[in-house]
PDB file of N, CA and C in Angstrom:
ATOM      1  N   MET A   1       0.688  -1.063   0.073  1.00  0.00           N
ATOM      2  CA  MET A   1      -0.310  -0.281   0.078  1.00  0.00           C
ATOM      3  C   MET A   1       0.623   1.305   0.193  1.00  0.00           C
ATOM      4  N   GLU A   2       0.419   2.209  -1.039  1.00  0.00           N
ATOM      5  CA  GLU A   2       1.131   3.443  -1.443  1.00  0.00           C
ATOM      6  C   GLU A   2       1.155   4.260   0.122  1.00  0.00           C
ATOM      7  N   LYS A   3       1.862   5.093   0.859  1.00  0.00           N
ATOM      8  CA  LYS A   3       1.556   6.027   2.111  1.00  0.00           C
ATOM      9  C   LYS A   3       1.357   7.001   1.115  1.00  0.00           C
ATOM     10  N   LYS A   4       0.105   7.919   1.418  1.00  0.00           N
ATOM     11  CA  LYS A   4      -0.229   9.205   0.936  1.00  0.00           C
ATOM     12  C   LYS A   4       0.688  10.214   1.162  1.00  0.00           C
ATOM     13  N   LYS A   5       0.654  10.974   0.110  1.00  0.00           N
ATOM     14  CA  LYS A   5       1.394  12.581   0.380  1.00  0.00           C
ATOM     15  C   LYS A   5       0.727  13.635   0.947  1.00  0.00           C
ATOM     16  N   LEU A   6       0.797  14.591   1.593  1.00  0.00           N
ATOM     17  CA  LEU A   6       0.368  15.843   1.879  1.00  0.00           C
ATOM     18  C   LEU A   6       0.710  16.962   0.640  1.00  0.00           C
ATOM     19  N   THR A   7      -0.674  17.450   0.114  1.00  0.00           N
ATOM     20  CA  THR A   7      -0.405  17.919  -1.065  1.00  0.00           C
ATOM     21  C   THR A   7      -1.557  19.115  -1.378  1.00  0.00           C
ATOM     22  N   SER A   8      -1.517  20.608  -1.728  1.00  0.00           N
ATOM     23  CA  SER A   8      -2.029  21.807  -2.012  1.00  0.00           C
ATOM     24  C   SER A   8      -3.211  21.460  -2.445  1.00  0.00           C
ATOM     25  N   ALA A   9      -3.924  22.685  -2.650  1.00  0.00           N
ATOM     26  CA  ALA A   9      -4.952  22.522  -3.578  1.00  0.00           C
ATOM     27  C   ALA A   9      -4.558  22.668  -4.982  1.00  0.00           C
ATOM     28  N   ASN A  10      -3.839  22.612  -5.316  1.00  0.00           N
ATOM     29  CA  ASN A  10      -3.409  22.786  -6.969  1.00  0.00           C
ATOM     30  C   ASN A  10      -2.271  21.374  -6.976  1.00  0.00           C
ATOM     31  N   ASN A  11      -2.221  20.484  -6.008  1.00  0.00           N
ATOM     32  CA  ASN A  11      -1.352  19.012  -6.196  1.00  0.00           C
ATOM     33  C   ASN A  11      -0.244  18.991  -6.000  1.00  0.00           C
ATOM     34  N   CYS A  12       0.385  20.296  -5.510  1.00  0.00           N
ATOM     35  CA  CYS A  12       1.872  19.967  -5.216  1.00  0.00           C
ATOM     36  C   CYS A  12       2.462  19.686  -3.797  1.00  0.00           C
ATOM     37  N   PRO A  13       3.311  18.552  -3.730  1.00  0.00           N
ATOM     38  CA  PRO A  13       3.579  17.985  -2.499  1.00  0.00           C
ATOM     39  C   PRO A  13       3.671  19.281  -1.598  1.00  0.00           C
ATOM     40  N   ILE A  14       3.738  18.903  -0.163  1.00  0.00           N
ATOM     41  CA  ILE A  14       3.710  19.787   0.779  1.00  0.00           C
ATOM     42  C   ILE A  14       4.679  19.122   1.792  1.00  0.00           C
ATOM     43  N   ALA A  15       6.387  19.874   2.077  1.00  0.00           N
ATOM     44  CA  ALA A  15       7.290  19.002   2.755  1.00  0.00           C
ATOM     45  C   ALA A  15       6.803  19.006   4.667  1.00  0.00           C
ATOM     46  N   ASP A  16       6.520  20.314   4.765  1.00  0.00           N
ATOM     47  CA  ASP A  16       6.208  20.249   6.226  1.00  0.00           C
ATOM     48  C   ASP A  16       4.750  21.015   6.687  1.00  0.00           C
ATOM     49  N   ASN A  17       4.050  20.277   7.224  1.00  0.00           N
ATOM     50  CA  ASN A  17       2.494  21.081   7.731  1.00  0.00           C
ATOM     51  C   ASN A  17       2.759  21.553   9.031  1.00  0.00           C
ATOM     52  N   GLN A  18       3.686  21.506   9.961  1.00  0.00           N
ATOM     53  CA  GLN A  18       3.716  21.957  11.135  1.00  0.00           C
ATOM     54  C   GLN A  18       4.535  23.183  11.398  1.00  0.00           C
ATOM     55  N   ASN A  19       5.117  23.962  10.286  1.00  0.00           N
ATOM     56  CA  ASN A  19       5.974  24.972  10.621  1.00  0.00           C
ATOM     57  C   ASN A  19       5.983  25.479   9.388  1.00  0.00           C
ATOM     58  N   SER A  20       6.034  27.042  10.047  1.00  0.00           N
ATOM     59  CA  SER A  20       5.746  27.899   9.170  1.00  0.00           C
ATOM     60  C   SER A  20       6.720  29.003   8.826  1.00  0.00           C
ATOM     61  N   GLN A  21       7.084  29.958   8.057  1.00  0.00           N
ATOM     62  CA  GLN A  21       7.841  30.874   7.714  1.00  0.00           C
ATOM     63  C   GLN A  21       7.852  32.102   9.173  1.00  0.00           C
ATOM     64  N   THR A  22       8.385  32.642   9.804  1.00  0.00           N
ATOM     65  CA  THR A  22       8.375  33.505  10.777  1.00  0.00           C
ATOM     66  C   THR A  22       9.355  34.747  10.251  1.00  0.00           C
ATOM     67  N   ALA A  23       9.606  35.786  10.974  1.00  0.00           N
ATOM     68  CA  ALA A  23      10.169  37.273  10.790  1.00  0.00           C
ATOM     69  C   ALA A  23      10.932  36.599  12.303  1.00  0.00           C
ATOM     70  N   GLY A  24      11.779  36.081  12.020  1.00  0.00           N
ATOM     71  CA  GLY A  24      12.799  35.804  13.268  1.00  0.00           C
ATOM     72  C   GLY A  24      12.500  34.844  13.683  1.00  0.00           C
ATOM     73  N   GLN A  25      13.276  34.393  15.114  1.00  0.00           N
ATOM     74  CA  GLN A  25      13.049  33.103  15.863  1.00  0.00           C
ATOM     75  C   GLN A  25      11.640  33.352  16.491  1.00  0.00           C
ATOM     76  N   HIS A  26      10.865  34.709  16.881  1.00  0.00           N
ATOM     77  CA  HIS A  26      10.177  34.493  17.697  1.00  0.00           C
ATOM     78  C   HIS A  26       8.852  35.152  17.359  1.00  0.00           C
ATOM     79  N   GLY A  27       9.070  36.064  15.864  1.00  0.00           N
ATOM     80  CA  GLY A  27       8.347  36.973  15.530  1.00  0.00           C
ATOM     81  C   GLY A  27       6.947  36.537  14.638  1.00  0.00           C
ATOM     82  N   PRO A  28       6.524  36.950  14.412  1.00  0.00           N
ATOM     83  CA  PRO A  28       4.916  36.876  13.773  1.00  0.00           C
ATOM     84  C   PRO A  28       5.389  36.193  12.313  1.00  0.00           C
ATOM     85  N   MET A  29       4.132  35.256  11.752  1.00  0.00           N
ATOM     86  CA  MET A  29       3.800  34.576  10.800  1.00  0.00           C
ATOM     87  C   MET A  29       4.269  35.345   9.549  1.00  0.00           C
ATOM     88  N   MET A  30       4.925  35.191   8.235  1.00  0.00           N
ATOM     89  CA  MET A  30       5.244  36.036   7.192  1.00  0.00           C
ATOM     90  C   MET A  30       3.923  35.470   6.300  1.00  0.00           C
ATOM     91  N   VAL A  31       2.945  36.533   5.957  1.00  0.00           N
ATOM     92  CA  VAL A  31       2.287  36.538   4.647  1.00  0.00           C
ATOM     93  C   VAL A  31       3.227  35.620   3.141  1.00  0.00           C
ATOM     94  N   GLN A  32       4.197  35.855   2.654  1.00  0.00           N
ATOM     95  CA  GLN A  32       4.880  35.220   1.893  1.00  0.00           C
ATOM     96  C   GLN A  32       5.228  33.898   1.771  1.00  0.00           C
ATOM     97  N   ASP A  33       4.582  33.105   2.986  1.00  0.00           N
ATOM     98  CA  ASP A  33       4.318  31.244   2.904  1.00  0.00           C
ATOM     99  C   ASP A  33       2.697  31.176   2.318  1.00  0.00           C
ATOM    100  N   PRO A  34       3.172  30.301   1.115  1.00  0.00           N
ATOM    101  CA  PRO A  34       2.129  30.192   0.409  1.00  0.00           C
ATOM    102  C   PRO A  34       1.308  28.725   1.244  1.00  0.00           C
ATOM    103  N   TRP A  35       1.978  28.009   1.705  1.00  0.00           N
ATOM    104  CA  TRP A  35       0.965  26.960   2.034  1.00  0.00           C
ATOM    105  C   TRP A  35       0.572  27.340   3.123  1.00  0.00           C
ATOM    106  N   PHE A  36       0.971  28.674   4.260  1.00  0.00           N
ATOM    107  CA  PHE A  36       0.042  28.678   5.415  1.00  0.00           C
ATOM    108  C   PHE A  36      -0.808  29.708   5.023  1.00  0.00           C
ATOM    109  N   MET A  37      -0.830  30.641   3.912  1.00  0.00           N
ATOM    110  CA  MET A  37      -2.024  31.464   3.377  1.00  0.00           C
ATOM    111  C   MET A  37      -3.132  30.434   2.920  1.00  0.00           C
ATOM    112  N   GLU A  38      -2.683  29.569   2.175  1.00  0.00           N
ATOM    113  CA  GLU A  38      -3.682  28.374   1.485  1.00  0.00           C
ATOM    114  C   GLU A  38      -4.600  27.557   2.966  1.00  0.00           C
ATOM    115  N   LYS A  39      -3.963  27.646   3.908  1.00  0.00           N
ATOM    116  CA  LYS A  39      -4.568  26.614   4.958  1.00  0.00           C
ATOM    117  C   LYS A  39      -5.673  27.918   5.491  1.00  0.00           C
ATOM    118  N   LEU A  40      -4.787  28.688   5.910  1.00  0.00           N
ATOM    119  CA  LEU A  40      -5.578  29.830   6.302  1.00  0.00           C
ATOM    120  C   LEU A  40      -6.991  30.544   5.511  1.00  0.00           C
ATOM    121  N   ALA A  41      -7.142  30.706   4.128  1.00  0.00           N
ATOM    122  CA  ALA A  41      -7.973  31.174   3.302  1.00  0.00           C
ATOM    123  C   ALA A  41      -8.883  29.532   3.167  1.00  0.00           C
ATOM    124  N   HIS A  42      -8.478  28.158   3.381  1.00  0.00           N
ATOM    125  CA  HIS A  42      -9.689  27.288   3.215  1.00  0.00           C
ATOM    126  C   HIS A  42     -10.608  27.725   4.742  1.00  0.00           C
ATOM    127  N   PHE A  43      -9.393  27.726   5.683  1.00  0.00           N
ATOM    128  CA  PHE A  43     -10.343  27.558   6.978  1.00  0.00           C
ATOM    129  C   PHE A  43     -11.268  28.794   7.041  1.00  0.00           C
ATOM    130  N   ASP A  44     -10.858  30.099   6.944  1.00  0.00           N
ATOM    131  CA  ASP A  44     -11.888  31.063   6.785  1.00  0.00           C
ATOM    132  C   ASP A  44     -13.017  30.713   5.533  1.00  0.00           C
ATOM    133  N   ARG A  45     -13.057  30.325   4.684  1.00  0.00           N
ATOM    134  CA  ARG A  45     -14.046  30.074   3.812  1.00  0.00           C
ATOM    135  C   ARG A  45     -14.979  28.688   4.270  1.00  0.00           C
ATOM    136  N   GLU A  46     -14.370  27.856   5.437  1.00  0.00           N
ATOM    137  CA  GLU A  46     -15.243  26.576   5.399  1.00  0.00           C
ATOM    138  C   GLU A  46     -16.669  27.412   5.988  1.00  0.00           C
ATOM    139  N   VAL A  47     -17.690  26.556   5.522  1.00  0.00           N
ATOM    140  CA  VAL A  47     -19.285  26.279   5.536  1.00  0.00           C
ATOM    141  C   VAL A  47     -19.514  25.755   6.907  1.00  0.00           C
ATOM    142  N   THR A  48     -20.095  26.480   7.748  1.00  0.00           N
ATOM    143  CA  THR A  48     -20.497  26.369   9.217  1.00  0.00           C
ATOM    144  C   THR A  48     -22.138  26.207   9.022  1.00  0.00           C
ATOM    145  N   PRO A  49     -22.637  25.043   9.442  1.00  0.00           N
ATOM    146  CA  PRO A  49     -24.408  25.272   8.777  1.00  0.00           C
ATOM    147  C   PRO A  49     -25.016  26.193   9.965  1.00  0.00           C
ATOM    148  N   GLU A  50     -25.785  26.476   9.424  1.00  0.00           N
ATOM    149  CA  GLU A  50     -26.576  27.434  10.348  1.00  0.00           C
ATOM    150  C   GLU A  50     -27.778  26.493  11.181  1.00  0.00           C
ATOM    151  N   ARG A  51     -27.905  26.945  12.854  1.00  0.00           N
ATOM    152  CA  ARG A  51     -28.544  26.582  13.666  1.00  0.00           C
ATOM    153  C   ARG A  51     -30.231  26.136  13.429  1.00  0.00           C
ATOM    154  N   CYS A  52     -30.879  25.606  13.419  1.00  0.00           N
ATOM    155  CA  CYS A  52     -32.625  25.384  12.894  1.00  0.00           C
ATOM    156  C   CYS A  52     -33.201  25.592  14.172  1.00  0.00           C
ATOM    157  N   MET A  53     -33.720  27.049  14.322  1.00  0.00           N
ATOM    158  CA  MET A  53     -34.272  27.424  15.583  1.00  0.00           C
ATOM    159  C   MET A  53     -35.313  26.196  16.114  1.00  0.00           C
ATOM    160  N   HIS A  54     -36.208  26.364  15.179  1.00  0.00           N
ATOM    161  CA  HIS A  54     -37.922  26.133  15.350  1.00  0.00           C
ATOM    162  C   HIS A  54     -37.925  24.731  14.826  1.00  0.00           C
ATOM    163  N   ALA A  55     -37.167  23.748  14.501  1.00  0.00           N
ATOM    164  CA  ALA A  55     -37.433  22.622  13.797  1.00  0.00           C
ATOM    165  C   ALA A  55     -38.290  22.062  14.056  1.00  0.00           C
ATOM    166  N   LYS A  56     -39.213  21.353  13.498  1.00  0.00           N
ATOM    167  CA  LYS A  56     -40.109  20.395  13.406  1.00  0.00           C
ATOM    168  C   LYS A  56     -39.934  18.748  13.589  1.00  0.00           C
ATOM    169  N   GLY A  57     -40.383  18.324  14.221  1.00  0.00           N
ATOM    170  CA  GLY A  57     -39.738  16.452  14.442  1.00  0.00           C
ATOM    171  C   GLY A  57     -40.320  15.571  14.859  1.00  0.00           C
ATOM    172  N   SER A  58     -40.732  14.857  14.913  1.00  0.00           N
ATOM    173  CA  SER A  58     -41.262  13.546  15.412  1.00  0.00           C
ATOM    174  C   SER A  58     -41.417  13.560  16.996  1.00  0.00           C
ATOM    175  N   GLY A  59     -40.407  13.949  17.361  1.00  0.00           N
ATOM    176  CA  GLY A  59     -40.463  14.070  19.161  1.00  0.00           C
ATOM    177  C   GLY A  59     -40.794  15.356  19.861  1.00  0.00           C
ATOM    178  N   ALA A  60     -41.387  16.479  19.077  1.00  0.00           N
ATOM    179  CA  ALA A  60     -42.139  17.340  19.699  1.00  0.00           C
ATOM    180  C   ALA A  60     -43.779  17.098  19.973  1.00  0.00           C
ATOM    181  N   PHE A  61     -43.598  18.014  21.329  1.00  0.00           N
ATOM    182  CA  PHE A  61     -45.284  17.969  21.658  1.00  0.00           C
ATOM    183  C   PHE A  61     -46.138  19.176  21.309  1.00  0.00           C
ATOM    184  N   GLY A  62     -47.400  18.632  21.015  1.00  0.00           N
ATOM    185  CA  GLY A  62     -48.088  19.558  20.898  1.00  0.00           C
ATOM    186  C   GLY A  62     -48.791  19.408  19.405  1.00  0.00           C
ATOM    187  N   LYS A  63     -49.647  19.913  18.668  1.00  0.00           N
ATOM    188  CA  LYS A  63     -50.570  19.711  17.603  1.00  0.00           C
ATOM    189  C   LYS A  63     -50.206  21.096  16.708  1.00  0.00           C
ATOM    190  N   ARG A  64     -49.974  20.595  15.696  1.00  0.00           N
ATOM    191  CA  ARG A  64     -49.650  22.076  14.752  1.00  0.00           C
ATOM    192  C   ARG A  64     -50.573  21.483  13.425  1.00  0.00           C
TER     193      ARG A  64
END
């Protein structure tokens, strides 16, 4: 069985998923890191379903 490789959205291999480019040893993350920006964009565009406040179901009491 072939071991799966981590790839970006355009199918380029990713060498390291845990580290990002920073400005200095304890500096902020740099915007020029393409894998970090892709991960951030994917997280920001993730769709979360809205909650249904008054859902009708078989377990509800009362008549409608």
